C-alpha atoms as a PDB file:
ATOM      1  CA  MET A   1      -0.158  -0.141  -0.083  1.00  0.00           C
ATOM      2  CA  TYR A   2       1.457   3.351  -0.713  1.00  0.00           C
ATOM      3  CA  ARG A   3       2.238   5.913   1.442  1.00  0.00           C
ATOM      4  CA  ASN A   4      -0.086   9.483   1.355  1.00  0.00           C
ATOM      5  CA  PHE A   5       2.313  11.795   2.970  1.00  0.00           C
ATOM      6  CA  ALA A   6       2.278  15.168   3.488  1.00  0.00           C
ATOM      7  CA  ILE A   7       4.838  17.997   2.811  1.00  0.00           C
ATOM      8  CA  VAL A   8       4.996  21.874   3.842  1.00  0.00           C
ATOM      9  CA  PRO A   9       2.763  23.681   2.751  1.00  0.00           C
ATOM     10  CA  ARG A  10       4.051  27.097   2.309  1.00  0.00           C
ATOM     11  CA  ILE A  11       7.472  27.871   1.317  1.00  0.00           C
ATOM     12  CA  ILE A  12       9.383  30.962   0.271  1.00  0.00           C
ATOM     13  CA  PHE A  13      12.732  31.132  -0.915  1.00  0.00           C
ATOM     14  CA  GLY A  14      15.445  34.223  -1.674  1.00  0.00           C
ATOM     15  CA  ARG A  15      18.166  35.954  -0.662  1.00  0.00           C
ATOM     16  CA  GLY A  16      16.900  38.560   1.949  1.00  0.00           C
ATOM     17  CA  CYS A  17      13.131  36.611   2.480  1.00  0.00           C
ATOM     18  CA  PHE A  18      14.039  36.612   6.134  1.00  0.00           C
ATOM     19  CA  ASN A  19      12.782  40.026   6.186  1.00  0.00           C
ATOM     20  CA  GLN A  20       9.327  38.888   5.236  1.00  0.00           C
ATOM     21  CA  LEU A  21       8.649  36.647   8.493  1.00  0.00           C
ATOM     22  CA  ASP A  22       6.812  39.808  10.277  1.00  0.00           C
ATOM     23  CA  ASP A  23       4.652  39.686   7.200  1.00  0.00           C
ATOM     24  CA  ILE A  24       4.505  35.921   7.247  1.00  0.00           C
ATOM     25  CA  LEU A  25       3.463  35.566  10.894  1.00  0.00           C
ATOM     26  CA  ALA A  26       0.756  38.597  10.735  1.00  0.00           C
ATOM     27  CA  ASP A  27      -1.876  36.282   9.580  1.00  0.00           C
ATOM     28  CA  ARG A  28      -1.166  33.180  12.261  1.00  0.00           C
ATOM     29  CA  ARG A  29      -1.164  36.692  15.130  1.00  0.00           C
ATOM     30  CA  THR A  30      -4.501  36.352  17.388  1.00  0.00           C
ATOM     31  CA  GLY A  31      -3.358  37.690  20.927  1.00  0.00           C
ATOM     32  CA  GLY A  32      -1.302  34.639  21.912  1.00  0.00           C
ATOM     33  CA  ALA A  33       2.965  35.005  21.808  1.00  0.00           C
ATOM     34  CA  MET A  34       4.829  33.994  19.398  1.00  0.00           C
ATOM     35  CA  VAL A  35       8.276  31.991  20.045  1.00  0.00           C
ATOM     36  CA  PHE A  36      11.291  31.940  18.477  1.00  0.00           C
ATOM     37  CA  LEU A  37      13.484  28.973  19.618  1.00  0.00           C
ATOM     38  CA  VAL A  38      17.016  30.743  18.077  1.00  0.00           C
ATOM     39  CA  ASP A  39      20.226  29.041  17.605  1.00  0.00           C
ATOM     40  CA  ASP A  40      22.010  30.644  20.997  1.00  0.00           C
ATOM     41  CA  VAL A  41      24.935  31.113  18.690  1.00  0.00           C
ATOM     42  CA  PHE A  42      22.733  33.871  17.417  1.00  0.00           C
ATOM     43  CA  GLU A  43      22.819  36.165  20.695  1.00  0.00           C
ATOM     44  CA  ASN A  44      24.389  39.265  20.109  1.00  0.00           C
ATOM     45  CA  THR A  45      24.426  39.774  16.855  1.00  0.00           C
ATOM     46  CA  ALA A  46      22.749  41.530  13.820  1.00  0.00           C
ATOM     47  CA  LEU A  47      20.635  38.406  13.099  1.00  0.00           C
ATOM     48  CA  MET A  48      19.229  38.280  16.618  1.00  0.00           C
ATOM     49  CA  LYS A  49      18.160  42.156  16.207  1.00  0.00           C
ATOM     50  CA  ARG A  50      16.186  41.203  12.919  1.00  0.00           C
ATOM     51  CA  VAL A  51      13.908  38.402  15.206  1.00  0.00           C
ATOM     52  CA  PRO A  52      10.587  40.498  14.500  1.00  0.00           C
ATOM     53  CA  ALA A  53       9.347  40.056  18.137  1.00  0.00           C
ATOM     54  CA  GLU A  54       6.347  41.974  18.986  1.00  0.00           C
ATOM     55  CA  LYS A  55       5.312  42.753  22.957  1.00  0.00           C
ATOM     56  CA  GLY A  56       4.469  39.976  24.439  1.00  0.00           C
ATOM     57  CA  ASP A  57       6.378  37.252  21.809  1.00  0.00           C
ATOM     58  CA  ILE A  58       8.831  34.838  23.483  1.00  0.00           C
ATOM     59  CA  VAL A  59      12.336  35.093  22.036  1.00  0.00           C
ATOM     60  CA  MET A  60      14.007  32.020  23.402  1.00  0.00           C
ATOM     61  CA  PRO A  61      17.677  31.023  22.856  1.00  0.00           C
ATOM     62  CA  VAL A  62      18.278  27.269  22.721  1.00  0.00           C
ATOM     63  CA  ASN A  63      21.368  25.850  23.271  1.00  0.00           C
ATOM     64  CA  VAL A  64      23.054  22.437  20.739  1.00  0.00           C
ATOM     65  CA  ASP A  65      26.284  22.147  22.169  1.00  0.00           C
ATOM     66  CA  GLU A  66      24.865  18.417  22.576  1.00  0.00           C
ATOM     67  CA  GLU A  67      22.337  16.822  20.333  1.00  0.00           C
ATOM     68  CA  PRO A  68      18.883  17.674  21.195  1.00  0.00           C
ATOM     69  CA  LYS A  69      17.313  15.305  24.039  1.00  0.00           C
ATOM     70  CA  THR A  70      14.033  14.752  24.917  1.00  0.00           C
ATOM     71  CA  ALA A  71      14.589  15.908  28.280  1.00  0.00           C
ATOM     72  CA  TYR A  72      15.946  19.181  26.822  1.00  0.00           C
ATOM     73  CA  ILE A  73      12.178  19.517  25.252  1.00  0.00           C
ATOM     74  CA  ASP A  74      10.513  18.878  27.929  1.00  0.00           C
ATOM     75  CA  GLU A  75      12.270  21.473  29.506  1.00  0.00           C
ATOM     76  CA  LEU A  76      11.086  23.783  27.037  1.00  0.00           C
ATOM     77  CA  VAL A  77       7.719  23.313  26.930  1.00  0.00           C
ATOM     78  CA  ALA A  78       7.634  23.286  30.721  1.00  0.00           C
ATOM     79  CA  ARG A  79       9.095  26.791  30.846  1.00  0.00           C
ATOM     80  CA  LEU A  80       6.775  27.976  27.984  1.00  0.00           C
ATOM     81  CA  GLN A  81       3.930  26.751  30.354  1.00  0.00           C
ATOM     82  CA  GLN A  82       4.842  27.986  33.576  1.00  0.00           C
ATOM     83  CA  GLY A  83       5.428  31.244  32.026  1.00  0.00           C
ATOM     84  CA  GLY A  84       2.346  31.670  30.501  1.00  0.00           C
ATOM     85  CA  ALA A  85       2.479  30.453  26.992  1.00  0.00           C
ATOM     86  CA  SER A  86       0.849  26.672  26.729  1.00  0.00           C
ATOM     87  CA  THR A  87      -0.744  28.006  23.529  1.00  0.00           C
ATOM     88  CA  PRO A  88       1.318  30.489  21.699  1.00  0.00           C
ATOM     89  CA  ASP A  89       0.168  31.451  18.693  1.00  0.00           C
ATOM     90  CA  GLY A  90       3.213  29.841  17.267  1.00  0.00           C
ATOM     91  CA  VAL A  91       6.668  28.350  17.198  1.00  0.00           C
ATOM     92  CA  ILE A  92       9.186  29.836  15.160  1.00  0.00           C
ATOM     93  CA  GLY A  93      13.004  27.504  14.871  1.00  0.00           C
ATOM     94  CA  ILE A  94      16.128  29.551  13.818  1.00  0.00           C
ATOM     95  CA  GLY A  95      18.917  27.899  13.579  1.00  0.00           C
ATOM     96  CA  GLY A  96      20.999  24.013  12.337  1.00  0.00           C
ATOM     97  CA  GLY A  97      19.113  21.480  11.787  1.00  0.00           C
ATOM     98  CA  SER A  98      19.299  20.659  15.544  1.00  0.00           C
ATOM     99  CA  THR A  99      16.967  23.664  16.344  1.00  0.00           C
ATOM    100  CA  LEU A 100      14.870  22.932  13.960  1.00  0.00           C
ATOM    101  CA  ASP A 101      14.068  19.946  15.761  1.00  0.00           C
ATOM    102  CA  ILE A 102      14.177  20.939  19.128  1.00  0.00           C
ATOM    103  CA  ALA A 103      10.985  23.787  17.513  1.00  0.00           C
ATOM    104  CA  LYS A 104       9.101  20.991  15.687  1.00  0.00           C
ATOM    105  CA  ALA A 105       9.233  18.910  19.231  1.00  0.00           C
ATOM    106  CA  VAL A 106       8.133  22.087  21.019  1.00  0.00           C
ATOM    107  CA  SER A 107       5.417  22.638  18.964  1.00  0.00           C
ATOM    108  CA  LEU A 108       4.497  18.933  19.320  1.00  0.00           C
ATOM    109  CA  LEU A 109       4.740  18.597  22.946  1.00  0.00           C
ATOM    110  CA  LEU A 110       2.517  21.779  23.490  1.00  0.00           C
ATOM    111  CA  THR A 111      -0.388  19.828  22.311  1.00  0.00           C
ATOM    112  CA  ASN A 112       0.161  16.028  22.937  1.00  0.00           C
ATOM    113  CA  PRO A 113       0.744  14.992  27.043  1.00  0.00           C
ATOM    114  CA  GLY A 114       3.456  13.502  28.505  1.00  0.00           C
ATOM    115  CA  SER A 115       7.672  13.188  27.405  1.00  0.00           C
ATOM    116  CA  ALA A 116       9.158  13.563  24.503  1.00  0.00           C
ATOM    117  CA  THR A 117      10.571  10.452  24.915  1.00  0.00           C
ATOM    118  CA  ASP A 118       6.538   8.878  24.412  1.00  0.00           C
ATOM    119  CA  TYR A 119       6.325   9.822  20.842  1.00  0.00           C
ATOM    120  CA  GLN A 120      10.035   8.278  19.775  1.00  0.00           C
ATOM    121  CA  GLY A 121       9.072   6.250  16.924  1.00  0.00           C
ATOM    122  CA  TRP A 122       6.762   5.954  13.703  1.00  0.00           C
ATOM    123  CA  ASP A 123       3.412   7.756  13.567  1.00  0.00           C
ATOM    124  CA  LEU A 124       2.651   7.861  17.853  1.00  0.00           C
ATOM    125  CA  ILE A 125       1.583  11.726  17.545  1.00  0.00           C
ATOM    126  CA  LYS A 126      -2.094  12.392  18.276  1.00  0.00           C
ATOM    127  CA  SER A 127      -2.743  15.554  17.329  1.00  0.00           C
ATOM    128  CA  PRO A 128      -1.476  18.317  15.348  1.00  0.00           C
ATOM    129  CA  GLY A 129       1.156  20.855  17.137  1.00  0.00           C
ATOM    130  CA  VAL A 130       0.795  24.396  17.284  1.00  0.00           C
ATOM    131  CA  TYR A 131       1.459  26.661  13.745  1.00  0.00           C
ATOM    132  CA  LYS A 132       5.694  26.165  13.622  1.00  0.00           C
ATOM    133  CA  VAL A 133       8.166  28.086  11.087  1.00  0.00           C
ATOM    134  CA  GLY A 134      11.305  26.413  10.350  1.00  0.00           C
ATOM    135  CA  ILE A 135      14.241  29.292   9.175  1.00  0.00           C
ATOM    136  CA  PRO A 136      17.180  27.514   8.884  1.00  0.00           C
ATOM    137  CA  THR A 137      20.831  28.681   8.979  1.00  0.00           C
ATOM    138  CA  LEU A 138      22.482  25.900   7.967  1.00  0.00           C
ATOM    139  CA  ALA A 139      22.190  23.719   5.070  1.00  0.00           C
ATOM    140  CA  GLY A 140      21.831  20.260   4.636  1.00  0.00           C
ATOM    141  CA  THR A 141      20.024  18.229   7.678  1.00  0.00           C
ATOM    142  CA  GLY A 142      17.057  18.573   5.484  1.00  0.00           C
ATOM    143  CA  ALA A 143      15.151  19.537   9.008  1.00  0.00           C
ATOM    144  CA  GLU A 144      13.477  22.277   7.469  1.00  0.00           C
ATOM    145  CA  ILE A 145      11.134  19.842   5.355  1.00  0.00           C
ATOM    146  CA  SER A 146      11.156  16.449   7.372  1.00  0.00           C
ATOM    147  CA  ARG A 147       8.454  14.558   9.257  1.00  0.00           C
ATOM    148  CA  THR A 148      11.333  13.997  11.461  1.00  0.00           C
ATOM    149  CA  THR A 149      12.266  15.622  14.930  1.00  0.00           C
ATOM    150  CA  VAL A 150      15.333  13.666  15.793  1.00  0.00           C
ATOM    151  CA  LEU A 151      16.077  13.514  19.459  1.00  0.00           C
ATOM    152  CA  THR A 152      18.387  11.388  21.816  1.00  0.00           C
ATOM    153  CA  GLY A 153      16.316   9.819  24.751  1.00  0.00           C
ATOM    154  CA  PRO A 154      17.329   7.498  28.108  1.00  0.00           C
ATOM    155  CA  GLU A 155      17.450   4.633  25.855  1.00  0.00           C
ATOM    156  CA  LYS A 156      18.065   5.378  22.386  1.00  0.00           C
ATOM    157  CA  LYS A 157      18.129   8.162  19.324  1.00  0.00           C
ATOM    158  CA  LEU A 158      14.668   8.038  17.513  1.00  0.00           C
ATOM    159  CA  GLY A 159      12.896  10.613  15.561  1.00  0.00           C
ATOM    160  CA  ILE A 160       9.081  11.312  16.518  1.00  0.00           C
ATOM    161  CA  ASN A 161       8.160  10.655  13.164  1.00  0.00           C
ATOM    162  CA  SER A 162       4.963  11.760  11.490  1.00  0.00           C
ATOM    163  CA  ASP A 163       2.915  14.431   9.203  1.00  0.00           C
ATOM    164  CA  TYR A 164       2.184  16.287  12.201  1.00  0.00           C
ATOM    165  CA  THR A 165       6.063  16.806  12.392  1.00  0.00           C
ATOM    166  CA  LEU A 166       6.295  18.901   9.418  1.00  0.00           C
ATOM    167  CA  TYR A 167       6.549  22.724   9.427  1.00  0.00           C
ATOM    168  CA  ASN A 168       3.428  24.792   8.071  1.00  0.00           C
ATOM    169  CA  GLN A 169       6.024  27.349   6.807  1.00  0.00           C
ATOM    170  CA  ILE A 170       9.877  27.191   5.463  1.00  0.00           C
ATOM    171  CA  VAL A 171      11.746  30.307   5.009  1.00  0.00           C
ATOM    172  CA  LEU A 172      14.852  29.424   3.195  1.00  0.00           C
ATOM    173  CA  ASP A 173      16.911  32.193   2.593  1.00  0.00           C
ATOM    174  CA  PRO A 174      20.656  31.260   1.275  1.00  0.00           C
ATOM    175  CA  GLU A 175      22.144  35.050   2.789  1.00  0.00           C
ATOM    176  CA  LEU A 176      21.587  33.260   6.464  1.00  0.00           C
ATOM    177  CA  LEU A 177      24.376  30.839   5.577  1.00  0.00           C
ATOM    178  CA  ALA A 178      27.123  33.363   5.397  1.00  0.00           C
ATOM    179  CA  GLY A 179      29.467  32.882   7.733  1.00  0.00           C
ATOM    180  CA  VAL A 180      29.285  29.646   8.841  1.00  0.00           C
ATOM    181  CA  PRO A 181      32.709  27.876  10.417  1.00  0.00           C
ATOM    182  CA  ARG A 182      34.029  25.888   7.132  1.00  0.00           C
ATOM    183  CA  ASP A 183      34.067  22.636   8.985  1.00  0.00           C
ATOM    184  CA  GLN A 184      30.373  22.564  10.332  1.00  0.00           C
ATOM    185  CA  TRP A 185      29.531  23.700   6.397  1.00  0.00           C
ATOM    186  CA  PHE A 186      30.669  20.744   5.440  1.00  0.00           C
ATOM    187  CA  TYR A 187      29.887  18.553   7.821  1.00  0.00           C
ATOM    188  CA  THR A 188      26.404  19.698   7.704  1.00  0.00           C
ATOM    189  CA  GLY A 189      26.638  19.768   4.064  1.00  0.00           C
ATOM    190  CA  MET A 190      27.488  16.005   3.427  1.00  0.00           C
ATOM    191  CA  ASP A 191      24.182  15.152   5.334  1.00  0.00           C
ATOM    192  CA  CYS A 192      23.066  15.773   2.831  1.00  0.00           C
ATOM    193  CA  TYR A 193      25.295  14.136   0.336  1.00  0.00           C
ATOM    194  CA  ILE A 194      24.526  11.342   2.437  1.00  0.00           C
ATOM    195  CA  HIS A 195      20.577  11.589   2.470  1.00  0.00           C
ATOM    196  CA  ASP A 196      21.393  11.525  -1.344  1.00  0.00           C
ATOM    197  CA  VAL A 197      23.414   8.149  -1.948  1.00  0.00           C
ATOM    198  CA  GLU A 198      21.605   6.027   0.214  1.00  0.00           C
ATOM    199  CA  SER A 199      17.648   6.949  -1.012  1.00  0.00           C
ATOM    200  CA  LEU A 200      19.429   6.565  -4.344  1.00  0.00           C
ATOM    201  CA  ASN A 201      21.039   2.979  -3.459  1.00  0.00           C
ATOM    202  CA  GLY A 202      18.253   1.251  -1.681  1.00  0.00           C
ATOM    203  CA  THR A 203      16.182  -1.080  -1.828  1.00  0.00           C
ATOM    204  CA  TYR A 204      12.840   1.633  -1.255  1.00  0.00           C
ATOM    205  CA  ILE A 205      14.015   4.296  -3.999  1.00  0.00           C
ATOM    206  CA  ASN A 206      10.990   4.575  -6.455  1.00  0.00           C
ATOM    207  CA  GLU A 207      11.155   7.307  -9.378  1.00  0.00           C
ATOM    208  CA  PHE A 208       9.603   9.965  -7.221  1.00  0.00           C
ATOM    209  CA  SER A 209      12.581  10.172  -4.544  1.00  0.00           C
ATOM    210  CA  ARG A 210      14.943   9.311  -7.415  1.00  0.00           C
ATOM    211  CA  ALA A 211      13.817  12.545  -9.420  1.00  0.00           C
ATOM    212  CA  TYR A 212      14.738  14.506  -6.021  1.00  0.00           C
ATOM    213  CA  GLY A 213      17.204  12.561  -5.205  1.00  0.00           C
ATOM    214  CA  GLU A 214      19.667  12.980  -8.262  1.00  0.00           C
ATOM    215  CA  LYS A 215      18.847  16.748  -8.340  1.00  0.00           C
ATOM    216  CA  SER A 216      20.072  17.257  -5.127  1.00  0.00           C
ATOM    217  CA  LEU A 217      22.966  14.952  -5.865  1.00  0.00           C
ATOM    218  CA  GLU A 218      24.267  17.382  -8.438  1.00  0.00           C
ATOM    219  CA  LEU A 219      23.438  20.167  -6.703  1.00  0.00           C
ATOM    220  CA  CYS A 220      26.143  18.964  -3.849  1.00  0.00           C
ATOM    221  CA  ARG A 221      28.764  17.754  -6.658  1.00  0.00           C
ATOM    222  CA  GLN A 222      28.553  22.000  -7.763  1.00  0.00           C
ATOM    223  CA  VAL A 223      29.322  23.217  -4.299  1.00  0.00           C
ATOM    224  CA  PHE A 224      31.779  20.712  -3.155  1.00  0.00           C
ATOM    225  CA  LEU A 225      33.935  19.743  -6.236  1.00  0.00           C
ATOM    226  CA  GLU A 226      33.401  22.728  -8.177  1.00  0.00           C
ATOM    227  CA  ASP A 227      32.985  26.668  -7.596  1.00  0.00           C
ATOM    228  CA  HIS A 228      30.083  28.827  -7.708  1.00  0.00           C
ATOM    229  CA  ASP A 229      29.254  32.303  -6.773  1.00  0.00           C
ATOM    230  CA  ASP A 230      25.731  31.137  -5.192  1.00  0.00           C
ATOM    231  CA  SER A 231      26.861  27.620  -3.620  1.00  0.00           C
ATOM    232  CA  ASP A 232      24.972  28.873  -0.870  1.00  0.00           C
ATOM    233  CA  ASP A 233      21.717  29.133  -3.165  1.00  0.00           C
ATOM    234  CA  LYS A 234      22.539  25.618  -4.625  1.00  0.00           C
ATOM    235  CA  LEU A 235      23.312  23.994  -1.292  1.00  0.00           C
ATOM    236  CA  MET A 236      20.469  25.474   0.536  1.00  0.00           C
ATOM    237  CA  MET A 237      18.122  23.713  -2.456  1.00  0.00           C
ATOM    238  CA  ALA A 238      20.159  20.587  -2.129  1.00  0.00           C
ATOM    239  CA  SER A 239      19.042  20.062   1.619  1.00  0.00           C
ATOM    240  CA  TYR A 240      15.696  20.583   0.077  1.00  0.00           C
ATOM    241  CA  PHE A 241      15.454  18.287  -2.547  1.00  0.00           C
ATOM    242  CA  GLY A 242      17.451  15.499  -0.427  1.00  0.00           C
ATOM    243  CA  GLY A 243      15.026  15.774   1.811  1.00  0.00           C
ATOM    244  CA  MET A 244      12.161  14.825  -0.411  1.00  0.00           C
ATOM    245  CA  SER A 245      14.378  12.423  -1.544  1.00  0.00           C
ATOM    246  CA  ILE A 246      13.716  10.351   1.624  1.00  0.00           C
ATOM    247  CA  ALA A 247      10.736  11.678   2.215  1.00  0.00           C
ATOM    248  CA  TYR A 248       9.526   8.292   0.129  1.00  0.00           C
ATOM    249  CA  SER A 249      12.473   5.959   0.617  1.00  0.00           C
ATOM    250  CA  GLN A 250      14.815   5.857   3.242  1.00  0.00           C
ATOM    251  CA  VAL A 251      18.016   6.699   4.477  1.00  0.00           C
ATOM    252  CA  GLY A 252      20.354   3.466   5.078  1.00  0.00           C
ATOM    253  CA  ALA A 253      23.387   2.375   7.381  1.00  0.00           C
ATOM    254  CA  CYS A 254      25.063   5.072   7.596  1.00  0.00           C
ATOM    255  CA  HIS A 255      22.898   7.208   9.303  1.00  0.00           C
ATOM    256  CA  ALA A 256      21.809   4.150  11.427  1.00  0.00           C
ATOM    257  CA  LEU A 257      25.555   3.805  12.721  1.00  0.00           C
ATOM    258  CA  SER A 258      25.643   7.431  13.343  1.00  0.00           C
ATOM    259  CA  TYR A 259      22.459   7.242  15.833  1.00  0.00           C
ATOM    260  CA  GLY A 260      24.822   4.516  17.652  1.00  0.00           C
ATOM    261  CA  LEU A 261      27.661   7.604  17.755  1.00  0.00           C
ATOM    262  CA  SER A 262      25.467   9.830  19.058  1.00  0.00           C
ATOM    263  CA  PHE A 263      23.837   8.165  21.412  1.00  0.00           C
ATOM    264  CA  LEU A 264      27.073   7.146  22.998  1.00  0.00           C
ATOM    265  CA  LEU A 265      29.596   9.346  22.618  1.00  0.00           C
ATOM    266  CA  GLY A 266      27.541  12.533  21.981  1.00  0.00           C
ATOM    267  CA  ILE A 267      29.197  13.189  18.306  1.00  0.00           C
ATOM    268  CA  HIS A 268      26.605  15.460  16.113  1.00  0.00           C
ATOM    269  CA  HIS A 269      24.997  14.408  13.765  1.00  0.00           C
ATOM    270  CA  GLY A 270      26.742  15.693  10.558  1.00  0.00           C
ATOM    271  CA  ILE A 271      30.251  14.700  11.562  1.00  0.00           C
ATOM    272  CA  GLY A 272      28.901  11.235  12.726  1.00  0.00           C
ATOM    273  CA  CYS A 273      27.930  10.504   9.394  1.00  0.00           C
ATOM    274  CA  CYS A 274      30.996  11.658   7.642  1.00  0.00           C
ATOM    275  CA  ILE A 275      33.222   8.894  10.357  1.00  0.00           C
ATOM    276  CA  ALA A 276      30.392   5.892   9.409  1.00  0.00           C
ATOM    277  CA  PHE A 277      30.485   6.509   5.812  1.00  0.00           C
ATOM    278  CA  GLN A 278      34.131   6.746   5.222  1.00  0.00           C
ATOM    279  CA  GLN A 279      33.825   3.019   6.463  1.00  0.00           C
ATOM    280  CA  LEU A 280      31.091   2.282   4.151  1.00  0.00           C
ATOM    281  CA  ASP A 281      32.483   1.372   0.976  1.00  0.00           C
ATOM    282  CA  GLU A 282      30.934  -2.127   0.917  1.00  0.00           C
ATOM    283  CA  PHE A 283      27.859  -0.158   0.232  1.00  0.00           C
ATOM    284  CA  TYR A 284      27.912   2.710  -1.046  1.00  0.00           C
ATOM    285  CA  HIS A 285      31.664   2.158  -2.805  1.00  0.00           C
ATOM    286  CA  ASP A 286      31.372   5.184  -5.474  1.00  0.00           C
ATOM    287  CA  GLY A 287      29.258   7.746  -3.171  1.00  0.00           C
ATOM    288  CA  VAL A 288      32.481   6.789  -0.607  1.00  0.00           C
ATOM    289  CA  ALA A 289      35.504   7.342  -3.007  1.00  0.00           C
ATOM    290  CA  GLU A 290      33.317  10.547  -4.457  1.00  0.00           C
ATOM    291  CA  PHE A 291      33.281  11.603  -0.657  1.00  0.00           C
ATOM    292  CA  LYS A 292      36.936  11.389   0.520  1.00  0.00           C
ATOM    293  CA  GLU A 293      37.587  13.486  -3.053  1.00  0.00           C
ATOM    294  CA  MET A 294      34.963  16.190  -1.477  1.00  0.00           C
ATOM    295  CA  MET A 295      36.810  15.851   2.020  1.00  0.00           C
ATOM    296  CA  ASP A 296      40.419  16.180   0.484  1.00  0.00           C
ATOM    297  CA  ARG A 297      39.589  19.236  -2.379  1.00  0.00           C
ATOM    298  CA  HIS A 298      37.753  21.156   1.394  1.00  0.00           C
ATOM    299  CA  GLY A 299      41.250  19.869   3.696  1.00  0.00           C
ATOM    300  CA  ILE A 300      38.421  18.225   6.117  1.00  0.00           C
ATOM    301  CA  THR A 301      40.072  15.549   8.239  1.00  0.00           C
ATOM    302  CA  LEU A 302      38.319  13.747  10.382  1.00  0.00           C
ATOM    303  CA  PRO A 303      38.702  12.378  14.098  1.00  0.00           C
ATOM    304  CA  THR A 304      39.752   8.294  13.817  1.00  0.00           C
ATOM    305  CA  GLY A 305      39.714   6.093  16.974  1.00  0.00           C
ATOM    306  CA  VAL A 306      36.226   7.336  18.363  1.00  0.00           C
ATOM    307  CA  THR A 307      34.948   3.641  19.114  1.00  0.00           C
ATOM    308  CA  ALA A 308      38.667   2.491  21.085  1.00  0.00           C
ATOM    309  CA  SER A 309      37.792   3.112  24.653  1.00  0.00           C
ATOM    310  CA  LEU A 310      34.317   2.284  25.018  1.00  0.00           C
ATOM    311  CA  SER A 311      33.932  -0.374  27.218  1.00  0.00           C
ATOM    312  CA  GLU A 312      31.829  -3.880  26.560  1.00  0.00           C
ATOM    313  CA  ALA A 313      28.432  -2.814  27.929  1.00  0.00           C
ATOM    314  CA  ASP A 314      28.494   0.699  25.251  1.00  0.00           C
ATOM    315  CA  MET A 315      29.628  -1.270  22.665  1.00  0.00           C
ATOM    316  CA  GLU A 316      26.994  -3.368  22.932  1.00  0.00           C
ATOM    317  CA  LYS A 317      24.470  -0.504  23.432  1.00  0.00           C
ATOM    318  CA  MET A 318      25.634   1.221  20.452  1.00  0.00           C
ATOM    319  CA  ILE A 319      25.082  -1.788  18.156  1.00  0.00           C
ATOM    320  CA  SER A 320      21.369  -2.461  19.875  1.00  0.00           C
ATOM    321  CA  VAL A 321      20.759   1.322  19.233  1.00  0.00           C
ATOM    322  CA  ALA A 322      21.704   1.112  15.049  1.00  0.00           C
ATOM    323  CA  LEU A 323      20.537  -2.342  15.011  1.00  0.00           C
ATOM    324  CA  GLY A 324      17.175  -1.014  16.274  1.00  0.00           C
ATOM    325  CA  LEU A 325      16.628   1.564  13.587  1.00  0.00           C
ATOM    326  CA  ALA A 326      15.150  -1.228  11.017  1.00  0.00           C
ATOM    327  CA  PRO A 327      13.811   0.476   8.133  1.00  0.00           C
ATOM    328  CA  LEU A 328      16.855   1.778   7.692  1.00  0.00           C
ATOM    329  CA  TRP A 329      18.525  -1.637   7.431  1.00  0.00           C
ATOM    330  CA  GLU A 330      16.028  -2.484   4.817  1.00  0.00           C
ATOM    331  CA  ASN A 331      16.217   0.021   2.981  1.00  0.00           C
ATOM    332  CA  CYS A 332      19.878  -0.505   2.587  1.00  0.00           C
ATOM    333  CA  LEU A 333      20.170  -4.520   2.357  1.00  0.00           C
ATOM    334  CA  GLY A 334      16.580  -5.440   1.894  1.00  0.00           C
ATOM    335  CA  PRO A 335      14.152  -7.445   3.502  1.00  0.00           C
ATOM    336  CA  ASP A 336      16.914  -9.839   4.297  1.00  0.00           C
ATOM    337  CA  TRP A 337      18.528  -7.434   6.400  1.00  0.00           C
ATOM    338  CA  GLN A 338      18.745  -9.186   9.525  1.00  0.00           C
ATOM    339  CA  ARG A 339      19.919 -12.219   8.499  1.00  0.00           C
ATOM    340  CA  LEU A 340      23.325 -10.069   6.493  1.00  0.00           C
ATOM    341  CA  MET A 341      23.950  -7.608   9.485  1.00  0.00           C
ATOM    342  CA  SER A 342      24.341  -9.572  12.508  1.00  0.00           C
ATOM    343  CA  ARG A 343      25.777  -7.819  15.600  1.00  0.00           C
ATOM    344  CA  ASN A 344      29.385  -8.846  14.855  1.00  0.00           C
ATOM    345  CA  ARG A 345      29.555  -6.997  11.736  1.00  0.00           C
ATOM    346  CA  VAL A 346      27.916  -4.271  13.065  1.00  0.00           C
ATOM    347  CA  ARG A 347      30.606  -4.326  15.683  1.00  0.00           C
ATOM    348  CA  GLU A 348      33.466  -4.617  13.066  1.00  0.00           C
ATOM    349  CA  LEU A 349      32.227  -1.600  11.106  1.00  0.00           C
ATOM    350  CA  TYR A 350      32.221   0.909  14.468  1.00  0.00           C
ATOM    351  CA  GLU A 351      35.982  -0.681  15.499  1.00  0.00           C
ATOM    352  CA  ARG A 352      36.919   0.967  12.085  1.00  0.00           C
ATOM    353  CA  MET A 353      35.582   4.473  13.308  1.00  0.00           C
END
């Protein structure tokens, strides 16, 4: 049976379009607060001063030094509820993929009872969230277009996967990518590149996903292997198309393994994907070769030996986290994936990292 999935209904793209945020929000104001969740890296910067907050609105810096945790979502929701903003007119996320995931999760938990941990999985959300707007300041994760908000809970790293997770509006302004540190720009962009490789080489592939994935891959190659004045515009659209590609297919082995790295070691998603991907030649030979060419071109050196000091218990837990992502492995290896991907084989992959 084919999935009848939802997509973000309203999208604005173009340099300087962030300046239209005030007009976009005006139609949604009904007397409640607008809650702006902004990556705290932008505190005391020009971007923070451009946030169109009105009297009664809440501008809340959020910290993404670590991957978003379910406990942090619960904390932010409690702060808003205690501050009288339990039913705001909207939640606006401004930042990279982690900030966008936080904003999506906060929107959902304001209208669904319990902890964020309760909704880690597929289609567990029962009620639409608060109106939400996503504004990426990094490009690559696809969080702006994804039906997933990736969270680390006490037992697992797993997204809240739901059509209700999708943003109601996204604002894609390539000017917001200016000044991103080189390594961070690369790691986040590679998340997009790896999305494309995993989707296009997966068993779930179809012409819908292929059309978006191939265009995203083409744009990634222009950004990371060529020189273009409008590379930020290209990368922002690559992120969008990459996210659309996996909407009707799935990611694969690299993302499954990177979830384990993030859960046990706190490694950020983008760099975790890069650490894992360079060891996956047997699954994505051409993609890994091209990835290494991109690393060389941009002078990127990845950490090594990141799993060397893990205890046996931690290694076993990391393996369990990775193998718990059944749809990712099925997309990579097919319905017989459990026979093909044993715990020992996952261990061998992790030991190379």
